[in-house]
């Protein structure tokens, strides 16, 4: 199957910043869980 790659969608100049939300979510989770 096809998988979207959020790392390619983190800057508006690249066409989309939707992937930024995924990375921010991961960082927030790590901060809360103290991993």
C-alpha atoms as a PDB file:
ATOM      1  CA  UNK A   1       0.000   0.000   0.000  1.00  0.00           C
ATOM      2  CA  UNK A   2       0.915   3.629  -0.187  1.00  0.00           C
ATOM      3  CA  UNK A   3       1.971   5.540   2.886  1.00  0.00           C
ATOM      4  CA  UNK A   4       1.985   9.327   3.178  1.00  0.00           C
ATOM      5  CA  UNK A   5       5.268  10.804   4.335  1.00  0.00           C
ATOM      6  CA  UNK A   6       4.637  13.634   6.835  1.00  0.00           C
ATOM      7  CA  UNK A   7       8.289  14.715   6.798  1.00  0.00           C
ATOM      8  CA  UNK A   8       7.665  16.057   3.289  1.00  0.00           C
ATOM      9  CA  UNK A   9       4.768  18.208   4.506  1.00  0.00           C
ATOM     10  CA  UNK A  10       6.176  20.340   7.293  1.00  0.00           C
ATOM     11  CA  UNK A  11       6.749  23.624   5.471  1.00  0.00           C
ATOM     12  CA  UNK A  12       4.258  25.800   3.629  1.00  0.00           C
ATOM     13  CA  UNK A  13       6.893  26.448   0.963  1.00  0.00           C
ATOM     14  CA  UNK A  14       6.867  22.702   0.178  1.00  0.00           C
ATOM     15  CA  UNK A  15       3.147  22.805  -0.492  1.00  0.00           C
ATOM     16  CA  UNK A  16       1.683  21.809   2.862  1.00  0.00           C
ATOM     17  CA  UNK A  17       2.340  22.038   6.581  1.00  0.00           C
ATOM     18  CA  UNK A  18      -0.053  19.243   7.590  1.00  0.00           C
ATOM     19  CA  UNK A  19       2.775  16.920   8.611  1.00  0.00           C
ATOM     20  CA  UNK A  20       3.915  19.436  11.220  1.00  0.00           C
ATOM     21  CA  UNK A  21       0.911  18.515  13.363  1.00  0.00           C
ATOM     22  CA  UNK A  22       2.005  14.878  13.472  1.00  0.00           C
ATOM     23  CA  UNK A  23       5.531  15.741  14.600  1.00  0.00           C
ATOM     24  CA  UNK A  24       4.258  18.233  17.191  1.00  0.00           C
ATOM     25  CA  UNK A  25       1.906  15.568  18.526  1.00  0.00           C
ATOM     26  CA  UNK A  26       4.814  13.141  18.928  1.00  0.00           C
ATOM     27  CA  UNK A  27       6.898  15.767  20.737  1.00  0.00           C
ATOM     28  CA  UNK A  28       4.024  16.661  23.062  1.00  0.00           C
ATOM     29  CA  UNK A  29       3.500  12.982  23.877  1.00  0.00           C
ATOM     30  CA  UNK A  30       7.189  12.528  24.685  1.00  0.00           C
ATOM     31  CA  UNK A  31       7.207  15.602  26.940  1.00  0.00           C
ATOM     32  CA  UNK A  32       4.185  14.357  28.876  1.00  0.00           C
ATOM     33  CA  UNK A  33       5.481  10.781  29.203  1.00  0.00           C
ATOM     34  CA  UNK A  34       9.102  11.749  30.032  1.00  0.00           C
ATOM     35  CA  UNK A  35      10.486   9.229  27.546  1.00  0.00           C
END
